[in-house]
Amino acid sequence: MGKVHNMVTTVCEIYFQQMRRHVYVTPKSYLAFIAMYKDEYAKKYALIDIDEQNINNGLEKLAGASAQIEELKIDLKKEDAKLKEASESTDRMLKDLDVENKKADIKSKEVAQVTEACME
């Protein structure tokens, strides 16, 4: 801040040499510059604070989602085991039905033969 104040004083002297007009930089100007800097700093700090809160909220949501995904993976494994059991049960039932269908076909053929014999 001090360097900026000295630079402004130097530029004011150069301005006087070129334009023959005085521009005064007083301690009040320096204090106003510091006040403006503090205001701007507070605004930027508030924006950064808001960004930090948003990022932290996002990270919390990501962590929560990750935990939920792990729970869902466990549930999926359980459901997958149930599905395998149901699939095996269905396969056994289909095999039994296939055997029963073959028996029924044999009986049907026998009944057809008996029916033909009776018709003759």
N, C-alpha and C. Protein backbone atom coordinates (compact mmCIF):
# COMPACT_ATOMS: atom_id res chain seq x y z
N MET A 1 0.83 -1.20 0.00
CA MET A 1 0.00 0.00 0.00
C MET A 1 0.87 1.25 0.00
N GLY A 2 1.93 1.19 0.79
CA GLY A 2 2.83 2.35 0.84
C GLY A 2 3.49 2.60 -0.50
N LYS A 3 3.90 1.53 -1.19
CA LYS A 3 4.52 1.66 -2.51
C LYS A 3 3.54 2.27 -3.49
N VAL A 4 2.29 1.84 -3.43
CA VAL A 4 1.28 2.39 -4.35
C VAL A 4 1.11 3.88 -4.08
N HIS A 5 1.08 4.27 -2.81
CA HIS A 5 0.93 5.71 -2.47
C HIS A 5 2.12 6.50 -3.00
N ASN A 6 3.33 5.96 -2.84
CA ASN A 6 4.52 6.64 -3.36
C ASN A 6 4.51 6.71 -4.88
N MET A 7 4.04 5.63 -5.54
CA MET A 7 3.95 5.64 -7.00
C MET A 7 2.96 6.70 -7.48
N VAL A 8 1.85 6.83 -6.79
CA VAL A 8 0.86 7.84 -7.17
C VAL A 8 1.45 9.24 -7.00
N THR A 9 2.21 9.45 -5.93
CA THR A 9 2.85 10.76 -5.72
C THR A 9 3.84 11.04 -6.85
N THR A 10 4.58 10.04 -7.25
CA THR A 10 5.55 10.21 -8.35
C THR A 10 4.82 10.52 -9.65
N VAL A 11 3.75 9.81 -9.93
CA VAL A 11 2.98 10.06 -11.15
C VAL A 11 2.37 11.45 -11.11
N CYS A 12 1.96 11.92 -9.95
CA CYS A 12 1.42 13.29 -9.85
C CYS A 12 2.48 14.32 -10.20
N GLU A 13 3.72 14.09 -9.79
CA GLU A 13 4.81 15.00 -10.14
C GLU A 13 5.06 14.99 -11.66
N ILE A 14 5.03 13.79 -12.26
CA ILE A 14 5.21 13.68 -13.71
C ILE A 14 4.07 14.40 -14.42
N TYR A 15 2.86 14.24 -13.91
CA TYR A 15 1.69 14.90 -14.50
C TYR A 15 1.86 16.43 -14.44
N PHE A 16 2.38 16.93 -13.31
CA PHE A 16 2.60 18.37 -13.19
C PHE A 16 3.64 18.85 -14.20
N GLN A 17 4.70 18.08 -14.40
CA GLN A 17 5.75 18.46 -15.33
C GLN A 17 5.23 18.50 -16.77
N GLN A 18 4.31 17.56 -17.12
CA GLN A 18 3.83 17.49 -18.49
C GLN A 18 2.66 18.43 -18.74
N MET A 19 1.74 18.54 -17.78
CA MET A 19 0.51 19.28 -18.01
C MET A 19 0.45 20.61 -17.25
N ARG A 20 1.37 20.83 -16.36
CA ARG A 20 1.39 22.03 -15.54
C ARG A 20 0.12 22.18 -14.70
N ARG A 21 -0.36 21.06 -14.23
CA ARG A 21 -1.50 21.07 -13.31
C ARG A 21 -1.14 20.24 -12.09
N HIS A 22 -1.56 20.76 -10.95
CA HIS A 22 -1.26 20.07 -9.69
C HIS A 22 -2.37 19.06 -9.37
N VAL A 23 -1.94 17.90 -8.94
CA VAL A 23 -2.85 16.90 -8.39
C VAL A 23 -2.24 16.51 -7.05
N TYR A 24 -3.03 16.67 -6.01
CA TYR A 24 -2.50 16.42 -4.67
C TYR A 24 -2.97 15.06 -4.15
N VAL A 25 -2.03 14.35 -3.56
CA VAL A 25 -2.34 13.09 -2.91
C VAL A 25 -2.09 13.30 -1.43
N THR A 26 -3.16 13.27 -0.70
CA THR A 26 -3.08 13.56 0.74
C THR A 26 -3.16 12.26 1.54
N PRO A 27 -2.84 12.31 2.80
CA PRO A 27 -3.02 11.12 3.64
C PRO A 27 -4.48 10.65 3.65
N LYS A 28 -5.41 11.59 3.46
CA LYS A 28 -6.83 11.22 3.38
C LYS A 28 -7.06 10.34 2.15
N SER A 29 -6.43 10.65 1.03
CA SER A 29 -6.53 9.82 -0.18
C SER A 29 -5.98 8.43 0.09
N TYR A 30 -4.84 8.41 0.81
CA TYR A 30 -4.23 7.13 1.15
C TYR A 30 -5.16 6.31 2.04
N LEU A 31 -5.77 6.95 3.02
CA LEU A 31 -6.70 6.26 3.92
C LEU A 31 -7.95 5.79 3.16
N ALA A 32 -8.41 6.60 2.21
CA ALA A 32 -9.56 6.20 1.40
C ALA A 32 -9.20 4.98 0.55
N PHE A 33 -7.97 4.97 0.03
CA PHE A 33 -7.50 3.84 -0.75
C PHE A 33 -7.46 2.57 0.11
N ILE A 34 -6.98 2.70 1.33
CA ILE A 34 -6.93 1.56 2.25
C ILE A 34 -8.36 1.08 2.57
N ALA A 35 -9.28 2.03 2.80
CA ALA A 35 -10.68 1.66 3.09
C ALA A 35 -11.30 0.93 1.90
N MET A 36 -11.03 1.44 0.69
CA MET A 36 -11.55 0.78 -0.50
C MET A 36 -10.96 -0.63 -0.62
N TYR A 37 -9.68 -0.76 -0.35
CA TYR A 37 -9.02 -2.07 -0.42
C TYR A 37 -9.65 -3.04 0.60
N LYS A 38 -9.90 -2.54 1.81
CA LYS A 38 -10.51 -3.39 2.84
C LYS A 38 -11.91 -3.82 2.43
N ASP A 39 -12.68 -2.92 1.84
CA ASP A 39 -14.03 -3.27 1.37
C ASP A 39 -13.96 -4.35 0.28
N GLU A 40 -13.07 -4.14 -0.66
CA GLU A 40 -12.92 -5.10 -1.76
C GLU A 40 -12.45 -6.45 -1.23
N TYR A 41 -11.53 -6.41 -0.27
CA TYR A 41 -11.04 -7.64 0.34
C TYR A 41 -12.17 -8.38 1.05
N ALA A 42 -13.02 -7.64 1.77
CA ALA A 42 -14.14 -8.26 2.48
C ALA A 42 -15.12 -8.89 1.49
N LYS A 43 -15.39 -8.21 0.37
CA LYS A 43 -16.29 -8.76 -0.65
C LYS A 43 -15.72 -10.06 -1.24
N LYS A 44 -14.44 -10.02 -1.60
CA LYS A 44 -13.81 -11.21 -2.19
C LYS A 44 -13.76 -12.35 -1.18
N TYR A 45 -13.49 -12.01 0.09
CA TYR A 45 -13.45 -13.03 1.12
C TYR A 45 -14.83 -13.67 1.30
N ALA A 46 -15.87 -12.85 1.25
CA ALA A 46 -17.24 -13.38 1.36
C ALA A 46 -17.55 -14.31 0.19
N LEU A 47 -17.16 -13.92 -1.02
CA LEU A 47 -17.38 -14.80 -2.19
C LEU A 47 -16.62 -16.11 -2.05
N ILE A 48 -15.38 -16.03 -1.59
CA ILE A 48 -14.59 -17.24 -1.40
C ILE A 48 -15.22 -18.11 -0.31
N ASP A 49 -15.73 -17.48 0.73
CA ASP A 49 -16.39 -18.22 1.81
C ASP A 49 -17.63 -18.94 1.29
N ILE A 50 -18.40 -18.28 0.44
CA ILE A 50 -19.58 -18.91 -0.15
C ILE A 50 -19.16 -20.08 -1.04
N ASP A 51 -18.11 -19.88 -1.84
CA ASP A 51 -17.60 -20.97 -2.68
C ASP A 51 -17.14 -22.15 -1.83
N GLU A 52 -16.48 -21.84 -0.73
CA GLU A 52 -16.02 -22.91 0.17
C GLU A 52 -17.20 -23.70 0.73
N GLN A 53 -18.25 -22.99 1.14
CA GLN A 53 -19.43 -23.67 1.66
C GLN A 53 -20.07 -24.54 0.58
N ASN A 54 -20.16 -24.02 -0.64
CA ASN A 54 -20.73 -24.81 -1.74
C ASN A 54 -19.91 -26.06 -2.01
N ILE A 55 -18.60 -25.91 -2.01
CA ILE A 55 -17.73 -27.05 -2.26
C ILE A 55 -17.86 -28.07 -1.14
N ASN A 56 -17.89 -27.60 0.11
CA ASN A 56 -18.05 -28.52 1.24
C ASN A 56 -19.39 -29.25 1.17
N ASN A 57 -20.45 -28.52 0.81
CA ASN A 57 -21.76 -29.17 0.66
C ASN A 57 -21.72 -30.23 -0.43
N GLY A 58 -21.08 -29.90 -1.55
CA GLY A 58 -20.95 -30.86 -2.64
C GLY A 58 -20.16 -32.08 -2.22
N LEU A 59 -19.08 -31.88 -1.47
CA LEU A 59 -18.28 -33.01 -1.00
C LEU A 59 -19.07 -33.88 -0.03
N GLU A 60 -19.86 -33.25 0.83
CA GLU A 60 -20.70 -34.02 1.76
C GLU A 60 -21.72 -34.85 0.98
N LYS A 61 -22.32 -34.25 -0.04
CA LYS A 61 -23.30 -34.98 -0.85
C LYS A 61 -22.63 -36.14 -1.58
N LEU A 62 -21.41 -35.92 -2.09
CA LEU A 62 -20.68 -36.99 -2.77
C LEU A 62 -20.37 -38.13 -1.79
N ALA A 63 -19.97 -37.76 -0.57
CA ALA A 63 -19.67 -38.80 0.43
C ALA A 63 -20.94 -39.57 0.78
N GLY A 64 -22.06 -38.85 0.93
CA GLY A 64 -23.33 -39.51 1.21
C GLY A 64 -23.76 -40.43 0.08
N ALA A 65 -23.58 -39.95 -1.14
CA ALA A 65 -23.94 -40.76 -2.31
C ALA A 65 -23.05 -42.00 -2.37
N SER A 66 -21.78 -41.85 -2.04
CA SER A 66 -20.86 -42.99 -2.05
C SER A 66 -21.30 -44.03 -1.02
N ALA A 67 -21.71 -43.57 0.16
CA ALA A 67 -22.19 -44.49 1.20
C ALA A 67 -23.46 -45.20 0.73
N GLN A 68 -24.35 -44.46 0.09
CA GLN A 68 -25.58 -45.06 -0.41
C GLN A 68 -25.28 -46.08 -1.50
N ILE A 69 -24.30 -45.81 -2.33
CA ILE A 69 -23.92 -46.74 -3.39
C ILE A 69 -23.41 -48.05 -2.77
N GLU A 70 -22.61 -47.93 -1.70
CA GLU A 70 -22.11 -49.14 -1.04
C GLU A 70 -23.27 -49.95 -0.47
N GLU A 71 -24.26 -49.27 0.14
CA GLU A 71 -25.43 -49.97 0.67
C GLU A 71 -26.20 -50.65 -0.46
N LEU A 72 -26.35 -49.95 -1.57
CA LEU A 72 -27.07 -50.52 -2.70
C LEU A 72 -26.32 -51.71 -3.30
N LYS A 73 -24.99 -51.67 -3.28
CA LYS A 73 -24.22 -52.81 -3.77
C LYS A 73 -24.48 -54.04 -2.90
N ILE A 74 -24.56 -53.82 -1.59
CA ILE A 74 -24.85 -54.94 -0.68
C ILE A 74 -26.24 -55.48 -0.96
N ASP A 75 -27.21 -54.58 -1.10
CA ASP A 75 -28.57 -55.01 -1.42
C ASP A 75 -28.62 -55.74 -2.75
N LEU A 76 -27.85 -55.26 -3.71
CA LEU A 76 -27.81 -55.89 -5.03
C LEU A 76 -27.26 -57.31 -4.94
N LYS A 77 -26.24 -57.50 -4.13
CA LYS A 77 -25.68 -58.85 -3.96
C LYS A 77 -26.74 -59.78 -3.35
N LYS A 78 -27.48 -59.27 -2.36
CA LYS A 78 -28.54 -60.08 -1.75
C LYS A 78 -29.61 -60.43 -2.78
N GLU A 79 -30.03 -59.44 -3.54
CA GLU A 79 -31.05 -59.66 -4.56
C GLU A 79 -30.55 -60.60 -5.65
N ASP A 80 -29.26 -60.49 -5.97
CA ASP A 80 -28.67 -61.36 -6.98
C ASP A 80 -28.71 -62.82 -6.50
N ALA A 81 -28.43 -63.01 -5.21
CA ALA A 81 -28.49 -64.37 -4.65
C ALA A 81 -29.92 -64.90 -4.73
N LYS A 82 -30.89 -64.06 -4.40
CA LYS A 82 -32.30 -64.47 -4.49
C LYS A 82 -32.66 -64.80 -5.94
N LEU A 83 -32.17 -63.99 -6.86
CA LEU A 83 -32.45 -64.22 -8.28
C LEU A 83 -31.87 -65.55 -8.74
N LYS A 84 -30.66 -65.87 -8.29
CA LYS A 84 -30.05 -67.15 -8.67
C LYS A 84 -30.88 -68.31 -8.13
N GLU A 85 -31.34 -68.17 -6.87
CA GLU A 85 -32.17 -69.23 -6.29
C GLU A 85 -33.46 -69.39 -7.09
N ALA A 86 -34.09 -68.28 -7.42
CA ALA A 86 -35.34 -68.33 -8.19
C ALA A 86 -35.08 -68.92 -9.57
N SER A 87 -33.96 -68.57 -10.17
CA SER A 87 -33.62 -69.09 -11.49
C SER A 87 -33.40 -70.60 -11.44
N GLU A 88 -32.67 -71.05 -10.42
CA GLU A 88 -32.44 -72.49 -10.26
C GLU A 88 -33.76 -73.21 -10.03
N SER A 89 -34.62 -72.63 -9.20
CA SER A 89 -35.93 -73.23 -8.92
C SER A 89 -36.75 -73.31 -10.20
N THR A 90 -36.71 -72.26 -10.99
CA THR A 90 -37.45 -72.24 -12.26
C THR A 90 -36.90 -73.30 -13.21
N ASP A 91 -35.56 -73.41 -13.26
CA ASP A 91 -34.95 -74.42 -14.13
C ASP A 91 -35.38 -75.83 -13.71
N ARG A 92 -35.37 -76.08 -12.38
CA ARG A 92 -35.81 -77.40 -11.91
C ARG A 92 -37.27 -77.65 -12.27
N MET A 93 -38.09 -76.61 -12.09
CA MET A 93 -39.51 -76.75 -12.40
C MET A 93 -39.71 -77.01 -13.89
N LEU A 94 -38.94 -76.34 -14.73
CA LEU A 94 -39.05 -76.56 -16.19
C LEU A 94 -38.63 -77.99 -16.55
N LYS A 95 -37.59 -78.49 -15.90
CA LYS A 95 -37.17 -79.87 -16.16
C LYS A 95 -38.26 -80.84 -15.73
N ASP A 96 -38.85 -80.59 -14.55
CA ASP A 96 -39.95 -81.45 -14.09
C ASP A 96 -41.12 -81.39 -15.05
N LEU A 97 -41.44 -80.18 -15.51
CA LEU A 97 -42.55 -80.02 -16.45
C LEU A 97 -42.24 -80.74 -17.77
N ASP A 98 -40.99 -80.68 -18.20
CA ASP A 98 -40.60 -81.36 -19.43
C ASP A 98 -40.78 -82.87 -19.28
N VAL A 99 -40.36 -83.38 -18.13
CA VAL A 99 -40.54 -84.82 -17.87
C VAL A 99 -42.03 -85.16 -17.84
N GLU A 100 -42.80 -84.34 -17.16
CA GLU A 100 -44.25 -84.58 -17.07
C GLU A 100 -44.90 -84.49 -18.45
N ASN A 101 -44.45 -83.54 -19.28
CA ASN A 101 -44.98 -83.42 -20.65
C ASN A 101 -44.67 -84.67 -21.47
N LYS A 102 -43.47 -85.19 -21.30
CA LYS A 102 -43.10 -86.42 -22.02
C LYS A 102 -44.00 -87.58 -21.57
N LYS A 103 -44.23 -87.68 -20.24
CA LYS A 103 -45.12 -88.72 -19.72
C LYS A 103 -46.53 -88.54 -20.27
N ALA A 104 -46.97 -87.26 -20.30
CA ALA A 104 -48.32 -86.97 -20.81
C ALA A 104 -48.41 -87.33 -22.29
N ASP A 105 -47.36 -87.06 -23.06
CA ASP A 105 -47.35 -87.42 -24.49
C ASP A 105 -47.45 -88.94 -24.66
N ILE A 106 -46.70 -89.65 -23.82
CA ILE A 106 -46.74 -91.12 -23.90
C ILE A 106 -48.15 -91.61 -23.57
N LYS A 107 -48.75 -91.06 -22.51
CA LYS A 107 -50.12 -91.46 -22.14
C LYS A 107 -51.09 -91.08 -23.25
N SER A 108 -50.87 -89.92 -23.85
CA SER A 108 -51.74 -89.46 -24.92
C SER A 108 -51.67 -90.42 -26.09
N LYS A 109 -50.46 -90.87 -26.42
CA LYS A 109 -50.30 -91.83 -27.51
C LYS A 109 -50.99 -93.16 -27.17
N GLU A 110 -50.84 -93.57 -25.90
CA GLU A 110 -51.49 -94.82 -25.47
C GLU A 110 -53.01 -94.68 -25.56
N VAL A 111 -53.52 -93.53 -25.12
CA VAL A 111 -54.96 -93.29 -25.18
C VAL A 111 -55.41 -93.26 -26.63
N ALA A 112 -54.62 -92.66 -27.49
CA ALA A 112 -54.98 -92.61 -28.91
C ALA A 112 -55.00 -94.02 -29.48
N GLN A 113 -54.05 -94.85 -29.10
CA GLN A 113 -54.02 -96.22 -29.61
C GLN A 113 -55.26 -97.01 -29.11
N VAL A 114 -55.55 -96.81 -27.80
CA VAL A 114 -56.72 -97.49 -27.25
C VAL A 114 -57.99 -97.00 -27.92
N THR A 115 -58.06 -95.70 -28.18
CA THR A 115 -59.22 -95.13 -28.85
C THR A 115 -59.36 -95.71 -30.24
N GLU A 116 -58.26 -95.84 -30.96
CA GLU A 116 -58.29 -96.41 -32.30
C GLU A 116 -58.70 -97.88 -32.27
N ALA A 117 -58.20 -98.57 -31.25
CA ALA A 117 -58.56 -99.99 -31.11
C ALA A 117 -60.05 -100.14 -30.81
N CYS A 118 -60.54 -99.25 -29.97
CA CYS A 118 -61.98 -99.29 -29.65
C CYS A 118 -62.80 -98.91 -30.87
N MET A 119 -62.35 -98.04 -31.67
CA MET A 119 -63.09 -97.61 -32.84
C MET A 119 -63.11 -98.73 -33.88
N GLU A 120 -62.09 -99.52 -33.93
CA GLU A 120 -62.04 -100.61 -34.91
C GLU A 120 -63.01 -101.67 -34.46
